[in-house]
Amino acid sequence: MMESGKNNLLELARAYDCFETVDASVFQRNARILQSMWREERGYPLGEGGGDVNSLCNSGRTR
């Protein structure tokens, strides 16, 4: 990837509050950015996962 492409990814990651120095590849950074975009579009709060999966399944929410 060209250097300007890497700079654009860094800017996007910062804009979506998902810049992480642990991203080992462009693929990983892209995935993190897309996940953050998905989260924001749906109004989910910023934070880490780790919630109880069973409580999500039994909350009455439909997919």
N, C-alpha and C. Protein backbone atom coordinates (compact mmCIF):
# COMPACT_ATOMS: atom_id res chain seq x y z
N MET A 1 0.86 -1.18 0.00
CA MET A 1 0.00 0.00 0.00
C MET A 1 0.90 1.23 0.00
N MET A 2 0.46 2.24 -0.72
CA MET A 2 1.24 3.47 -0.79
C MET A 2 1.19 4.20 0.54
N GLU A 3 2.19 5.02 0.76
CA GLU A 3 2.30 5.75 2.03
C GLU A 3 1.08 6.64 2.29
N SER A 4 0.54 7.28 1.24
CA SER A 4 -0.64 8.14 1.44
C SER A 4 -1.85 7.32 1.87
N GLY A 5 -1.96 6.07 1.40
CA GLY A 5 -3.04 5.20 1.83
C GLY A 5 -2.95 4.87 3.31
N LYS A 6 -1.73 4.65 3.79
CA LYS A 6 -1.54 4.38 5.21
C LYS A 6 -1.92 5.60 6.04
N ASN A 7 -1.58 6.78 5.55
CA ASN A 7 -1.93 8.00 6.27
C ASN A 7 -3.45 8.18 6.33
N ASN A 8 -4.14 7.84 5.24
CA ASN A 8 -5.60 7.94 5.23
C ASN A 8 -6.22 6.98 6.24
N LEU A 9 -5.67 5.77 6.34
CA LEU A 9 -6.17 4.81 7.32
C LEU A 9 -5.95 5.31 8.74
N LEU A 10 -4.81 5.91 8.99
CA LEU A 10 -4.54 6.45 10.33
C LEU A 10 -5.52 7.56 10.66
N GLU A 11 -5.80 8.43 9.68
CA GLU A 11 -6.76 9.51 9.91
C GLU A 11 -8.16 8.97 10.17
N LEU A 12 -8.58 7.96 9.39
CA LEU A 12 -9.89 7.36 9.62
C LEU A 12 -9.96 6.70 10.98
N ALA A 13 -8.92 5.97 11.35
CA ALA A 13 -8.91 5.30 12.65
C ALA A 13 -9.03 6.32 13.78
N ARG A 14 -8.36 7.41 13.65
CA ARG A 14 -8.45 8.45 14.70
C ARG A 14 -9.83 9.11 14.68
N ALA A 15 -10.38 9.33 13.51
CA ALA A 15 -11.70 9.97 13.40
C ALA A 15 -12.78 9.11 14.04
N TYR A 16 -12.64 7.80 13.95
CA TYR A 16 -13.63 6.89 14.53
C TYR A 16 -13.21 6.36 15.90
N ASP A 17 -12.25 7.01 16.51
CA ASP A 17 -11.79 6.65 17.86
C ASP A 17 -11.40 5.18 17.96
N CYS A 18 -10.73 4.66 16.94
CA CYS A 18 -10.35 3.25 16.97
C CYS A 18 -8.88 3.03 16.61
N PHE A 19 -8.06 4.06 16.78
CA PHE A 19 -6.64 3.89 16.49
C PHE A 19 -6.00 3.04 17.58
N GLU A 20 -5.37 1.98 17.17
CA GLU A 20 -4.67 1.09 18.10
C GLU A 20 -3.29 0.79 17.54
N THR A 21 -2.29 0.90 18.37
CA THR A 21 -0.93 0.61 17.92
C THR A 21 -0.68 -0.88 17.75
N VAL A 22 -1.57 -1.71 18.25
CA VAL A 22 -1.38 -3.16 18.16
C VAL A 22 -1.80 -3.74 16.82
N ASP A 23 -2.45 -2.95 15.96
CA ASP A 23 -2.85 -3.47 14.65
C ASP A 23 -1.60 -3.89 13.89
N ALA A 24 -1.52 -5.18 13.55
CA ALA A 24 -0.33 -5.74 12.93
C ALA A 24 -0.36 -5.66 11.41
N SER A 25 -1.51 -5.35 10.84
CA SER A 25 -1.61 -5.32 9.38
C SER A 25 -2.65 -4.30 8.95
N VAL A 26 -2.61 -4.00 7.67
CA VAL A 26 -3.60 -3.10 7.08
C VAL A 26 -4.98 -3.74 7.19
N PHE A 27 -5.05 -5.06 6.98
CA PHE A 27 -6.32 -5.78 7.11
C PHE A 27 -6.92 -5.57 8.49
N GLN A 28 -6.11 -5.72 9.52
CA GLN A 28 -6.59 -5.58 10.90
C GLN A 28 -7.08 -4.16 11.16
N ARG A 29 -6.35 -3.17 10.68
CA ARG A 29 -6.78 -1.78 10.87
C ARG A 29 -8.07 -1.51 10.11
N ASN A 30 -8.18 -2.03 8.87
CA ASN A 30 -9.42 -1.86 8.10
C ASN A 30 -10.60 -2.47 8.83
N ALA A 31 -10.42 -3.66 9.36
CA ALA A 31 -11.50 -4.33 10.09
C ALA A 31 -11.93 -3.51 11.30
N ARG A 32 -10.97 -2.98 12.02
CA ARG A 32 -11.30 -2.18 13.21
C ARG A 32 -12.07 -0.92 12.83
N ILE A 33 -11.67 -0.27 11.73
CA ILE A 33 -12.36 0.94 11.28
C ILE A 33 -13.79 0.60 10.85
N LEU A 34 -13.96 -0.47 10.07
CA LEU A 34 -15.30 -0.86 9.62
C LEU A 34 -16.20 -1.22 10.80
N GLN A 35 -15.65 -1.89 11.80
CA GLN A 35 -16.43 -2.22 12.99
C GLN A 35 -16.86 -0.96 13.72
N SER A 36 -15.98 0.02 13.77
CA SER A 36 -16.31 1.28 14.45
C SER A 36 -17.38 2.05 13.68
N MET A 37 -17.30 2.02 12.35
CA MET A 37 -18.32 2.68 11.54
C MET A 37 -19.68 2.01 11.77
N TRP A 38 -19.69 0.69 11.78
CA TRP A 38 -20.90 -0.08 12.01
C TRP A 38 -21.50 0.28 13.38
N ARG A 39 -20.63 0.32 14.40
CA ARG A 39 -21.07 0.63 15.76
C ARG A 39 -21.70 2.02 15.83
N GLU A 40 -21.04 3.01 15.24
CA GLU A 40 -21.56 4.38 15.30
C GLU A 40 -22.88 4.52 14.54
N GLU A 41 -22.99 3.87 13.37
CA GLU A 41 -24.23 3.95 12.60
C GLU A 41 -25.42 3.41 13.37
N ARG A 42 -25.18 2.47 14.27
CA ARG A 42 -26.26 1.86 15.04
C ARG A 42 -26.41 2.46 16.44
N GLY A 43 -25.58 3.43 16.75
CA GLY A 43 -25.72 4.13 18.02
C GLY A 43 -25.19 3.39 19.24
N TYR A 44 -24.34 2.38 19.01
CA TYR A 44 -23.76 1.67 20.15
C TYR A 44 -22.65 2.51 20.76
N PRO A 45 -22.49 2.46 22.07
CA PRO A 45 -21.46 3.27 22.71
C PRO A 45 -20.05 2.74 22.44
N LEU A 46 -19.10 3.63 22.54
CA LEU A 46 -17.69 3.27 22.41
C LEU A 46 -17.28 2.47 23.63
N GLY A 47 -16.55 1.40 23.42
CA GLY A 47 -16.09 0.59 24.54
C GLY A 47 -15.67 -0.78 24.08
N GLU A 48 -15.26 -1.57 25.00
CA GLU A 48 -14.85 -2.93 24.68
C GLU A 48 -16.00 -3.88 24.90
N GLY A 49 -15.93 -5.01 24.20
CA GLY A 49 -16.94 -6.04 24.36
C GLY A 49 -16.76 -6.73 25.70
N GLY A 50 -17.29 -7.90 25.80
CA GLY A 50 -17.13 -8.65 27.03
C GLY A 50 -18.41 -8.77 27.81
N GLY A 51 -19.50 -8.27 27.23
CA GLY A 51 -20.78 -8.40 27.90
C GLY A 51 -21.25 -9.84 27.88
N ASP A 52 -22.26 -10.11 28.64
CA ASP A 52 -22.82 -11.45 28.73
C ASP A 52 -23.62 -11.75 27.46
N VAL A 53 -23.16 -12.70 26.66
CA VAL A 53 -23.83 -13.04 25.41
C VAL A 53 -25.25 -13.51 25.67
N ASN A 54 -25.47 -14.26 26.73
CA ASN A 54 -26.81 -14.76 27.04
C ASN A 54 -27.78 -13.63 27.32
N SER A 55 -27.32 -12.56 27.96
CA SER A 55 -28.22 -11.45 28.24
C SER A 55 -28.61 -10.75 26.94
N LEU A 56 -27.72 -10.72 25.96
CA LEU A 56 -28.06 -10.12 24.67
C LEU A 56 -29.07 -10.98 23.94
N CYS A 57 -28.89 -12.29 24.00
CA CYS A 57 -29.80 -13.21 23.31
C CYS A 57 -31.18 -13.21 23.94
N ASN A 58 -31.25 -12.99 25.22
CA ASN A 58 -32.52 -13.07 25.93
C ASN A 58 -33.14 -11.71 26.22
N SER A 59 -32.62 -10.65 25.60
CA SER A 59 -33.08 -9.32 25.92
C SER A 59 -34.36 -8.93 25.18
N GLY A 60 -34.80 -9.79 24.25
CA GLY A 60 -36.00 -9.46 23.49
C GLY A 60 -35.71 -8.72 22.21
N ARG A 61 -34.46 -8.38 21.97
CA ARG A 61 -34.09 -7.71 20.73
C ARG A 61 -34.19 -8.70 19.58
N THR A 62 -34.66 -8.21 18.47
CA THR A 62 -34.71 -9.05 17.28
C THR A 62 -33.62 -8.61 16.33
N ARG A 63 -33.22 -9.50 15.52
CA ARG A 63 -32.14 -9.17 14.55
C ARG A 63 -32.70 -8.56 13.32
